Amino acid sequence: MQLDYGPVHNSVLWQTTIGCRQAKMFLYGPDKKLSRYALSLPRRELKILVGLLTGHITLNRHLTVMKIQEDPLCLAFGEQEETSLHFFGNAMQICKLDIPFLEHT
């Protein structure tokens, strides 16, 4: 029996895999162009990209899950959990506030 690991198989695997909730919000499936771009980044920038895509970054939601922080809410806005999705949705306002969270990743 030969296993198929082509693009269709990878796409189905991505869609049916349990977990990766946050990454699935940003990525619709395997993407060669995005993979090449990511692998061309300097290590520090790749770390930030992967952290933002997976949620494993120094945002309050992740720090709360890790029991480092007690409050998952955004310090700047205080209404929603501070997640990557929240960060991207409010990026322009956050940039104006000069919040240095990326310096610690």
C-alpha atoms as a PDB file:
ATOM      1  CA  MET A   1       0.000   0.000   0.000  1.00  0.00           C
ATOM      2  CA  GLN A   2       1.448   3.338  -1.052  1.00  0.00           C
ATOM      3  CA  LEU A   3       0.636   6.460   0.972  1.00  0.00           C
ATOM      4  CA  ASP A   4      -0.145   9.715  -0.822  1.00  0.00           C
ATOM      5  CA  TYR A   5       1.549  12.765   0.671  1.00  0.00           C
ATOM      6  CA  GLY A   6       0.696  15.179  -2.131  1.00  0.00           C
ATOM      7  CA  PRO A   7      -0.956  18.584  -1.872  1.00  0.00           C
ATOM      8  CA  VAL A   8      -4.497  17.178  -1.654  1.00  0.00           C
ATOM      9  CA  HIS A   9      -3.534  14.835   1.193  1.00  0.00           C
ATOM     10  CA  ASN A  10      -1.789  17.665   3.067  1.00  0.00           C
ATOM     11  CA  SER A  11      -4.802  19.936   2.635  1.00  0.00           C
ATOM     12  CA  VAL A  12      -7.209  17.273   3.925  1.00  0.00           C
ATOM     13  CA  LEU A  13      -4.878  16.511   6.829  1.00  0.00           C
ATOM     14  CA  TRP A  14      -4.751  20.220   7.737  1.00  0.00           C
ATOM     15  CA  GLN A  15      -8.534  20.534   7.651  1.00  0.00           C
ATOM     16  CA  THR A  16      -9.232  17.374   9.656  1.00  0.00           C
ATOM     17  CA  THR A  17      -6.512  17.676  12.279  1.00  0.00           C
ATOM     18  CA  ILE A  18      -7.900  18.530  15.698  1.00  0.00           C
ATOM     19  CA  GLY A  19      -6.123  21.479  17.245  1.00  0.00           C
ATOM     20  CA  CYS A  20      -4.104  24.293  15.683  1.00  0.00           C
ATOM     21  CA  ARG A  21      -7.157  26.507  16.261  1.00  0.00           C
ATOM     22  CA  GLN A  22      -5.337  29.790  16.008  1.00  0.00           C
ATOM     23  CA  ALA A  23      -3.109  28.854  13.078  1.00  0.00           C
ATOM     24  CA  LYS A  24      -6.206  27.739  11.170  1.00  0.00           C
ATOM     25  CA  MET A  25      -7.670  31.240  11.593  1.00  0.00           C
ATOM     26  CA  PHE A  26      -4.762  32.642   9.580  1.00  0.00           C
ATOM     27  CA  LEU A  27      -3.804  29.778   7.272  1.00  0.00           C
ATOM     28  CA  TYR A  28      -6.223  27.948   5.014  1.00  0.00           C
ATOM     29  CA  GLY A  29      -3.860  25.068   4.384  1.00  0.00           C
ATOM     30  CA  PRO A  30      -0.359  24.298   3.153  1.00  0.00           C
ATOM     31  CA  ASP A  31       1.094  27.136   1.100  1.00  0.00           C
ATOM     32  CA  LYS A  32       4.447  26.732  -0.693  1.00  0.00           C
ATOM     33  CA  LYS A  33       4.831  30.449  -1.345  1.00  0.00           C
ATOM     34  CA  LEU A  34       4.279  31.350   2.305  1.00  0.00           C
ATOM     35  CA  SER A  35       6.587  28.529   3.391  1.00  0.00           C
ATOM     36  CA  ARG A  36       9.378  29.798   1.150  1.00  0.00           C
ATOM     37  CA  TYR A  37       8.863  33.336   2.435  1.00  0.00           C
ATOM     38  CA  ALA A  38       8.902  32.230   6.072  1.00  0.00           C
ATOM     39  CA  LEU A  39      12.037  30.143   5.621  1.00  0.00           C
ATOM     40  CA  SER A  40      13.795  33.100   3.995  1.00  0.00           C
ATOM     41  CA  LEU A  41      13.290  35.265   7.084  1.00  0.00           C
ATOM     42  CA  PRO A  42      16.025  35.856   9.633  1.00  0.00           C
ATOM     43  CA  ARG A  43      15.585  33.569  12.650  1.00  0.00           C
ATOM     44  CA  ARG A  44      14.270  36.311  14.977  1.00  0.00           C
ATOM     45  CA  GLU A  45      11.600  37.394  12.470  1.00  0.00           C
ATOM     46  CA  LEU A  46      10.608  33.769  11.794  1.00  0.00           C
ATOM     47  CA  LYS A  47      10.171  33.255  15.538  1.00  0.00           C
ATOM     48  CA  ILE A  48       7.819  36.255  15.715  1.00  0.00           C
ATOM     49  CA  LEU A  49       5.848  35.092  12.653  1.00  0.00           C
ATOM     50  CA  VAL A  50       5.432  31.558  14.002  1.00  0.00           C
ATOM     51  CA  GLY A  51       4.486  32.939  17.419  1.00  0.00           C
ATOM     52  CA  LEU A  52       1.804  35.179  15.942  1.00  0.00           C
ATOM     53  CA  LEU A  53       0.404  32.410  13.740  1.00  0.00           C
ATOM     54  CA  THR A  54       0.274  29.845  16.560  1.00  0.00           C
ATOM     55  CA  GLY A  55      -0.499  32.139  19.482  1.00  0.00           C
ATOM     56  CA  HIS A  56       2.693  31.078  21.255  1.00  0.00           C
ATOM     57  CA  ILE A  57       3.950  34.616  21.793  1.00  0.00           C
ATOM     58  CA  THR A  58       4.138  37.070  24.672  1.00  0.00           C
ATOM     59  CA  LEU A  59       0.543  38.245  24.441  1.00  0.00           C
ATOM     60  CA  ASN A  60      -1.625  38.137  27.572  1.00  0.00           C
ATOM     61  CA  ARG A  61      -3.819  35.238  26.429  1.00  0.00           C
ATOM     62  CA  HIS A  62      -0.821  32.931  25.991  1.00  0.00           C
ATOM     63  CA  LEU A  63       0.844  34.170  29.184  1.00  0.00           C
ATOM     64  CA  THR A  64      -2.391  33.430  31.071  1.00  0.00           C
ATOM     65  CA  VAL A  65      -2.559  29.904  29.644  1.00  0.00           C
ATOM     66  CA  MET A  66       1.043  29.425  30.804  1.00  0.00           C
ATOM     67  CA  LYS A  67       0.031  30.766  34.275  1.00  0.00           C
ATOM     68  CA  ILE A  68       2.561  33.607  34.021  1.00  0.00           C
ATOM     69  CA  GLN A  69      -0.136  36.283  33.854  1.00  0.00           C
ATOM     70  CA  GLU A  70      -3.545  36.346  35.551  1.00  0.00           C
ATOM     71  CA  ASP A  71      -5.494  38.505  33.122  1.00  0.00           C
ATOM     72  CA  PRO A  72      -5.791  37.548  29.427  1.00  0.00           C
ATOM     73  CA  LEU A  73      -7.321  40.907  28.478  1.00  0.00           C
ATOM     74  CA  CYS A  74      -5.544  43.441  26.302  1.00  0.00           C
ATOM     75  CA  LEU A  75      -3.829  46.065  28.445  1.00  0.00           C
ATOM     76  CA  ALA A  76      -4.355  48.733  25.807  1.00  0.00           C
ATOM     77  CA  PHE A  77      -8.086  48.210  25.253  1.00  0.00           C
ATOM     78  CA  GLY A  78      -9.151  45.962  28.162  1.00  0.00           C
ATOM     79  CA  GLU A  79     -12.199  44.556  26.391  1.00  0.00           C
ATOM     80  CA  GLN A  80     -10.966  41.459  24.551  1.00  0.00           C
ATOM     81  CA  GLU A  81      -8.429  38.751  25.183  1.00  0.00           C
ATOM     82  CA  GLU A  82      -5.035  39.773  23.878  1.00  0.00           C
ATOM     83  CA  THR A  83      -4.534  37.206  21.108  1.00  0.00           C
ATOM     84  CA  SER A  84      -2.824  37.353  17.735  1.00  0.00           C
ATOM     85  CA  LEU A  85      -6.189  37.860  16.056  1.00  0.00           C
ATOM     86  CA  HIS A  86      -6.928  40.757  18.417  1.00  0.00           C
ATOM     87  CA  PHE A  87      -3.427  42.132  17.804  1.00  0.00           C
ATOM     88  CA  PHE A  88      -3.815  42.082  14.001  1.00  0.00           C
ATOM     89  CA  GLY A  89      -7.313  43.551  14.206  1.00  0.00           C
ATOM     90  CA  ASN A  90      -6.040  46.479  16.253  1.00  0.00           C
ATOM     91  CA  ALA A  91      -2.506  46.728  14.869  1.00  0.00           C
ATOM     92  CA  MET A  92      -2.737  50.360  13.787  1.00  0.00           C
ATOM     93  CA  GLN A  93      -3.951  51.535  17.198  1.00  0.00           C
ATOM     94  CA  ILE A  94      -1.430  49.306  18.998  1.00  0.00           C
ATOM     95  CA  CYS A  95       1.463  50.689  16.930  1.00  0.00           C
ATOM     96  CA  LYS A  96       0.470  54.203  17.952  1.00  0.00           C
ATOM     97  CA  LEU A  97       0.684  53.165  21.631  1.00  0.00           C
ATOM     98  CA  ASP A  98       4.304  51.980  21.288  1.00  0.00           C
ATOM     99  CA  ILE A  99       3.786  48.718  23.210  1.00  0.00           C
ATOM    100  CA  PRO A 100       7.153  46.896  23.294  1.00  0.00           C
ATOM    101  CA  PHE A 101       5.898  43.269  23.475  1.00  0.00           C
ATOM    102  CA  LEU A 102       7.838  42.156  20.382  1.00  0.00           C
ATOM    103  CA  GLU A 103      11.095  43.151  22.038  1.00  0.00           C
ATOM    104  CA  HIS A 104      10.696  40.272  24.495  1.00  0.00           C
ATOM    105  CA  THR A 105       9.992  37.464  22.036  1.00  0.00           C
END
